[in-house]
PDB file of N, CA and C in Angstrom:
ATOM      1  N   MET A   1       3.910 -17.484  33.872  1.00  0.00           N
ATOM      2  CA  MET A   1       4.501 -17.850  32.596  1.00  0.00           C
ATOM      3  C   MET A   1       3.690 -17.280  31.427  1.00  0.00           C
ATOM      4  N   ASP A   2       2.371 -17.406  31.480  1.00  0.00           N
ATOM      5  CA  ASP A   2       1.534 -16.891  30.404  1.00  0.00           C
ATOM      6  C   ASP A   2       1.629 -15.377  30.298  1.00  0.00           C
ATOM      7  N   GLU A   3       1.783 -14.722  31.424  1.00  0.00           N
ATOM      8  CA  GLU A   3       1.900 -13.264  31.423  1.00  0.00           C
ATOM      9  C   GLU A   3       3.192 -12.824  30.749  1.00  0.00           C
ATOM     10  N   ASP A   4       4.265 -13.594  30.947  1.00  0.00           N
ATOM     11  CA  ASP A   4       5.543 -13.272  30.305  1.00  0.00           C
ATOM     12  C   ASP A   4       5.437 -13.395  28.784  1.00  0.00           C
ATOM     13  N   ILE A   5       4.778 -14.436  28.335  1.00  0.00           N
ATOM     14  CA  ILE A   5       4.609 -14.628  26.892  1.00  0.00           C
ATOM     15  C   ILE A   5       3.770 -13.498  26.305  1.00  0.00           C
ATOM     16  N   LEU A   6       2.736 -13.118  27.017  1.00  0.00           N
ATOM     17  CA  LEU A   6       1.879 -12.026  26.563  1.00  0.00           C
ATOM     18  C   LEU A   6       2.660 -10.720  26.454  1.00  0.00           C
ATOM     19  N   ILE A   7       3.525 -10.451  27.408  1.00  0.00           N
ATOM     20  CA  ILE A   7       4.340  -9.235  27.383  1.00  0.00           C
ATOM     21  C   ILE A   7       5.293  -9.251  26.193  1.00  0.00           C
ATOM     22  N   VAL A   8       5.910 -10.399  25.942  1.00  0.00           N
ATOM     23  CA  VAL A   8       6.849 -10.507  24.820  1.00  0.00           C
ATOM     24  C   VAL A   8       6.114 -10.330  23.489  1.00  0.00           C
ATOM     25  N   VAL A   9       4.971 -10.974  23.343  1.00  0.00           N
ATOM     26  CA  VAL A   9       4.205 -10.869  22.097  1.00  0.00           C
ATOM     27  C   VAL A   9       3.709  -9.437  21.893  1.00  0.00           C
ATOM     28  N   ALA A  10       3.200  -8.816  22.945  1.00  0.00           N
ATOM     29  CA  ALA A  10       2.712  -7.441  22.837  1.00  0.00           C
ATOM     30  C   ALA A  10       3.852  -6.492  22.480  1.00  0.00           C
ATOM     31  N   SER A  11       5.006  -6.669  23.096  1.00  0.00           N
ATOM     32  CA  SER A  11       6.168  -5.820  22.789  1.00  0.00           C
ATOM     33  C   SER A  11       6.591  -5.999  21.337  1.00  0.00           C
ATOM     34  N   PHE A  12       6.615  -7.236  20.882  1.00  0.00           N
ATOM     35  CA  PHE A  12       6.990  -7.512  19.500  1.00  0.00           C
ATOM     36  C   PHE A  12       6.020  -6.835  18.535  1.00  0.00           C
ATOM     37  N   LEU A  13       4.725  -6.954  18.812  1.00  0.00           N
ATOM     38  CA  LEU A  13       3.727  -6.357  17.922  1.00  0.00           C
ATOM     39  C   LEU A  13       3.795  -4.837  17.930  1.00  0.00           C
ATOM     40  N   ILE A  14       4.058  -4.254  19.091  1.00  0.00           N
ATOM     41  CA  ILE A  14       4.160  -2.795  19.185  1.00  0.00           C
ATOM     42  C   ILE A  14       5.315  -2.285  18.328  1.00  0.00           C
ATOM     43  N   LEU A  15       6.385  -3.049  18.250  1.00  0.00           N
ATOM     44  CA  LEU A  15       7.530  -2.643  17.431  1.00  0.00           C
ATOM     45  C   LEU A  15       7.371  -3.068  15.971  1.00  0.00           C
ATOM     46  N   PHE A  16       6.831  -4.248  15.742  1.00  0.00           N
ATOM     47  CA  PHE A  16       6.797  -4.822  14.398  1.00  0.00           C
ATOM     48  C   PHE A  16       5.759  -4.168  13.491  1.00  0.00           C
ATOM     49  N   VAL A  17       4.587  -3.893  13.989  1.00  0.00           N
ATOM     50  CA  VAL A  17       3.503  -3.383  13.142  1.00  0.00           C
ATOM     51  C   VAL A  17       3.859  -2.041  12.493  1.00  0.00           C
ATOM     52  N   PRO A  18       4.350  -1.045  13.237  1.00  0.00           N
ATOM     53  CA  PRO A  18       4.720   0.220  12.563  1.00  0.00           C
ATOM     54  C   PRO A  18       5.875   0.061  11.575  1.00  0.00           C
ATOM     55  N   VAL A  19       6.861  -0.747  11.930  1.00  0.00           N
ATOM     56  CA  VAL A  19       7.997  -0.948  11.025  1.00  0.00           C
ATOM     57  C   VAL A  19       7.532  -1.644   9.750  1.00  0.00           C
ATOM     58  N   ALA A  20       6.706  -2.660   9.892  1.00  0.00           N
ATOM     59  CA  ALA A  20       6.187  -3.361   8.714  1.00  0.00           C
ATOM     60  C   ALA A  20       5.313  -2.434   7.874  1.00  0.00           C
ATOM     61  N   GLY A  21       4.523  -1.601   8.526  1.00  0.00           N
ATOM     62  CA  GLY A  21       3.671  -0.669   7.796  1.00  0.00           C
ATOM     63  C   GLY A  21       4.470   0.331   6.978  1.00  0.00           C
ATOM     64  N   LEU A  22       5.496   0.896   7.581  1.00  0.00           N
ATOM     65  CA  LEU A  22       6.338   1.854   6.847  1.00  0.00           C
ATOM     66  C   LEU A  22       7.066   1.175   5.696  1.00  0.00           C
ATOM     67  N   THR A  23       7.562  -0.025   5.943  1.00  0.00           N
ATOM     68  CA  THR A  23       8.266  -0.754   4.891  1.00  0.00           C
ATOM     69  C   THR A  23       7.337  -1.041   3.721  1.00  0.00           C
ATOM     70  N   LEU A  24       6.141  -1.514   4.022  1.00  0.00           N
ATOM     71  CA  LEU A  24       5.186  -1.796   2.950  1.00  0.00           C
ATOM     72  C   LEU A  24       4.787  -0.529   2.207  1.00  0.00           C
ATOM     73  N   ARG A  25       4.647   0.562   2.947  1.00  0.00           N
ATOM     74  CA  ARG A  25       4.259   1.820   2.295  1.00  0.00           C
ATOM     75  C   ARG A  25       5.306   2.236   1.261  1.00  0.00           C
ATOM     76  N   PHE A  26       6.574   2.193   1.647  1.00  0.00           N
ATOM     77  CA  PHE A  26       7.622   2.614   0.719  1.00  0.00           C
ATOM     78  C   PHE A  26       7.855   1.579  -0.379  1.00  0.00           C
ATOM     79  N   ALA A  27       7.617   0.309  -0.082  1.00  0.00           N
ATOM     80  CA  ALA A  27       7.813  -0.730  -1.092  1.00  0.00           C
ATOM     81  C   ALA A  27       6.698  -0.718  -2.128  1.00  0.00           C
ATOM     82  N   LEU A  28       5.474  -0.428  -1.704  1.00  0.00           N
ATOM     83  CA  LEU A  28       4.336  -0.489  -2.615  1.00  0.00           C
ATOM     84  C   LEU A  28       4.051   0.825  -3.332  1.00  0.00           C
ATOM     85  N   LYS A  29       4.654   1.923  -2.896  1.00  0.00           N
ATOM     86  CA  LYS A  29       4.369   3.228  -3.498  1.00  0.00           C
ATOM     87  C   LYS A  29       4.639   3.250  -5.004  1.00  0.00           C
ATOM     88  N   PRO A  30       5.766   2.744  -5.495  1.00  0.00           N
ATOM     89  CA  PRO A  30       5.977   2.760  -6.950  1.00  0.00           C
ATOM     90  C   PRO A  30       4.925   1.939  -7.707  1.00  0.00           C
ATOM     91  N   LEU A  31       4.516   0.825  -7.136  1.00  0.00           N
ATOM     92  CA  LEU A  31       3.500  -0.004  -7.780  1.00  0.00           C
ATOM     93  C   LEU A  31       2.160   0.719  -7.846  1.00  0.00           C
ATOM     94  N   VAL A  32       1.766   1.336  -6.760  1.00  0.00           N
ATOM     95  CA  VAL A  32       0.498   2.070  -6.723  1.00  0.00           C
ATOM     96  C   VAL A  32       0.545   3.256  -7.681  1.00  0.00           C
ATOM     97  N   ASP A  33       1.668   3.954  -7.732  1.00  0.00           N
ATOM     98  CA  ASP A  33       1.802   5.085  -8.659  1.00  0.00           C
ATOM     99  C   ASP A  33       1.683   4.633 -10.116  1.00  0.00           C
ATOM    100  N   SER A  34       2.305   3.507 -10.446  1.00  0.00           N
ATOM    101  CA  SER A  34       2.234   3.034 -11.829  1.00  0.00           C
ATOM    102  C   SER A  34       0.819   2.584 -12.185  1.00  0.00           C
ATOM    103  N   ILE A  35       0.124   1.956 -11.254  1.00  0.00           N
ATOM    104  CA  ILE A  35      -1.267   1.562 -11.510  1.00  0.00           C
ATOM    105  C   ILE A  35      -2.132   2.802 -11.714  1.00  0.00           C
ATOM    106  N   ALA A  36      -1.910   3.834 -10.902  1.00  0.00           N
ATOM    107  CA  ALA A  36      -2.681   5.070 -11.044  1.00  0.00           C
ATOM    108  C   ALA A  36      -2.412   5.722 -12.397  1.00  0.00           C
ATOM    109  N   ARG A  37      -1.152   5.705 -12.847  1.00  0.00           N
ATOM    110  CA  ARG A  37      -0.820   6.285 -14.144  1.00  0.00           C
ATOM    111  C   ARG A  37      -1.502   5.535 -15.287  1.00  0.00           C
ATOM    112  N   VAL A  38      -1.521   4.208 -15.192  1.00  0.00           N
ATOM    113  CA  VAL A  38      -2.181   3.403 -16.227  1.00  0.00           C
ATOM    114  C   VAL A  38      -3.673   3.704 -16.258  1.00  0.00           C
ATOM    115  N   MET A  39      -4.288   3.813 -15.097  1.00  0.00           N
ATOM    116  CA  MET A  39      -5.724   4.098 -15.044  1.00  0.00           C
ATOM    117  C   MET A  39      -6.026   5.488 -15.597  1.00  0.00           C
ATOM    118  N   GLU A  40      -5.174   6.470 -15.299  1.00  0.00           N
ATOM    119  CA  GLU A  40      -5.366   7.818 -15.839  1.00  0.00           C
ATOM    120  C   GLU A  40      -5.224   7.818 -17.358  1.00  0.00           C
ATOM    121  N   ALA A  41      -4.255   7.072 -17.864  1.00  0.00           N
ATOM    122  CA  ALA A  41      -4.057   7.004 -19.308  1.00  0.00           C
ATOM    123  C   ALA A  41      -5.257   6.348 -19.981  1.00  0.00           C
ATOM    124  N   ARG A  42      -5.804   5.322 -19.347  1.00  0.00           N
ATOM    125  CA  ARG A  42      -6.970   4.638 -19.913  1.00  0.00           C
ATOM    126  C   ARG A  42      -8.171   5.579 -19.961  1.00  0.00           C
ATOM    127  N   VAL A  43      -8.380   6.338 -18.894  1.00  0.00           N
ATOM    128  CA  VAL A  43      -9.498   7.286 -18.865  1.00  0.00           C
ATOM    129  C   VAL A  43      -9.294   8.359 -19.929  1.00  0.00           C
ATOM    130  N   GLY A  44      -8.073   8.840 -20.068  1.00  0.00           N
ATOM    131  CA  GLY A  44      -7.791   9.851 -21.084  1.00  0.00           C
ATOM    132  C   GLY A  44      -8.016   9.329 -22.484  1.00  0.00           C
ATOM    133  N   ARG A  45      -7.630   8.086 -22.728  1.00  0.00           N
ATOM    134  CA  ARG A  45      -7.816   7.488 -24.050  1.00  0.00           C
ATOM    135  C   ARG A  45      -9.302   7.293 -24.344  1.00  0.00           C
ATOM    136  N   GLU A  46     -10.055   6.844 -23.346  1.00  0.00           N
ATOM    137  CA  GLU A  46     -11.499   6.657 -23.541  1.00  0.00           C
ATOM    138  C   GLU A  46     -12.192   7.996 -23.785  1.00  0.00           C
ATOM    139  N   ALA A  47     -11.763   9.031 -23.082  1.00  0.00           N
ATOM    140  CA  ALA A  47     -12.350  10.357 -23.290  1.00  0.00           C
ATOM    141  C   ALA A  47     -12.041  10.856 -24.695  1.00  0.00           C
ATOM    142  N   GLN A  48     -10.837  10.616 -25.163  1.00  0.00           N
ATOM    143  CA  GLN A  48     -10.456  11.040 -26.514  1.00  0.00           C
ATOM    144  C   GLN A  48     -11.274  10.293 -27.559  1.00  0.00           C
ATOM    145  N   GLU A  49     -11.512   9.003 -27.328  1.00  0.00           N
ATOM    146  CA  GLU A  49     -12.329   8.228 -28.268  1.00  0.00           C
ATOM    147  C   GLU A  49     -13.760   8.759 -28.312  1.00  0.00           C
ATOM    148  N   LEU A  50     -14.286   9.158 -27.159  1.00  0.00           N
ATOM    149  CA  LEU A  50     -15.638   9.718 -27.134  1.00  0.00           C
ATOM    150  C   LEU A  50     -15.697  11.052 -27.877  1.00  0.00           C
ATOM    151  N   LEU A  51     -14.653  11.856 -27.745  1.00  0.00           N
ATOM    152  CA  LEU A  51     -14.628  13.137 -28.444  1.00  0.00           C
ATOM    153  C   LEU A  51     -14.505  12.944 -29.956  1.00  0.00           C
ATOM    154  N   ASP A  52     -13.794  11.905 -30.369  1.00  0.00           N
ATOM    155  CA  ASP A  52     -13.606  11.651 -31.794  1.00  0.00           C
ATOM    156  C   ASP A  52     -14.887  11.182 -32.469  1.00  0.00           C
ATOM    157  N   GLN A  53     -15.808  10.620 -31.725  1.00  0.00           N
ATOM    158  CA  GLN A  53     -17.046  10.087 -32.324  1.00  0.00           C
ATOM    159  C   GLN A  53     -17.936  11.165 -32.724  1.00  0.00           C
TER     160      GLN A  53
END
């Protein structure tokens, strides 16, 4: 009985982990891109302020 449960859980994880990973990758990509853009803009603004001094 325990071996059957282990097989079912292992099979589920083998299928679920890659699917969840791909889903999260595509779901979080716009958020990560926007955070990167904000950080780049902040660095550019700080560099411009240093040049203005």
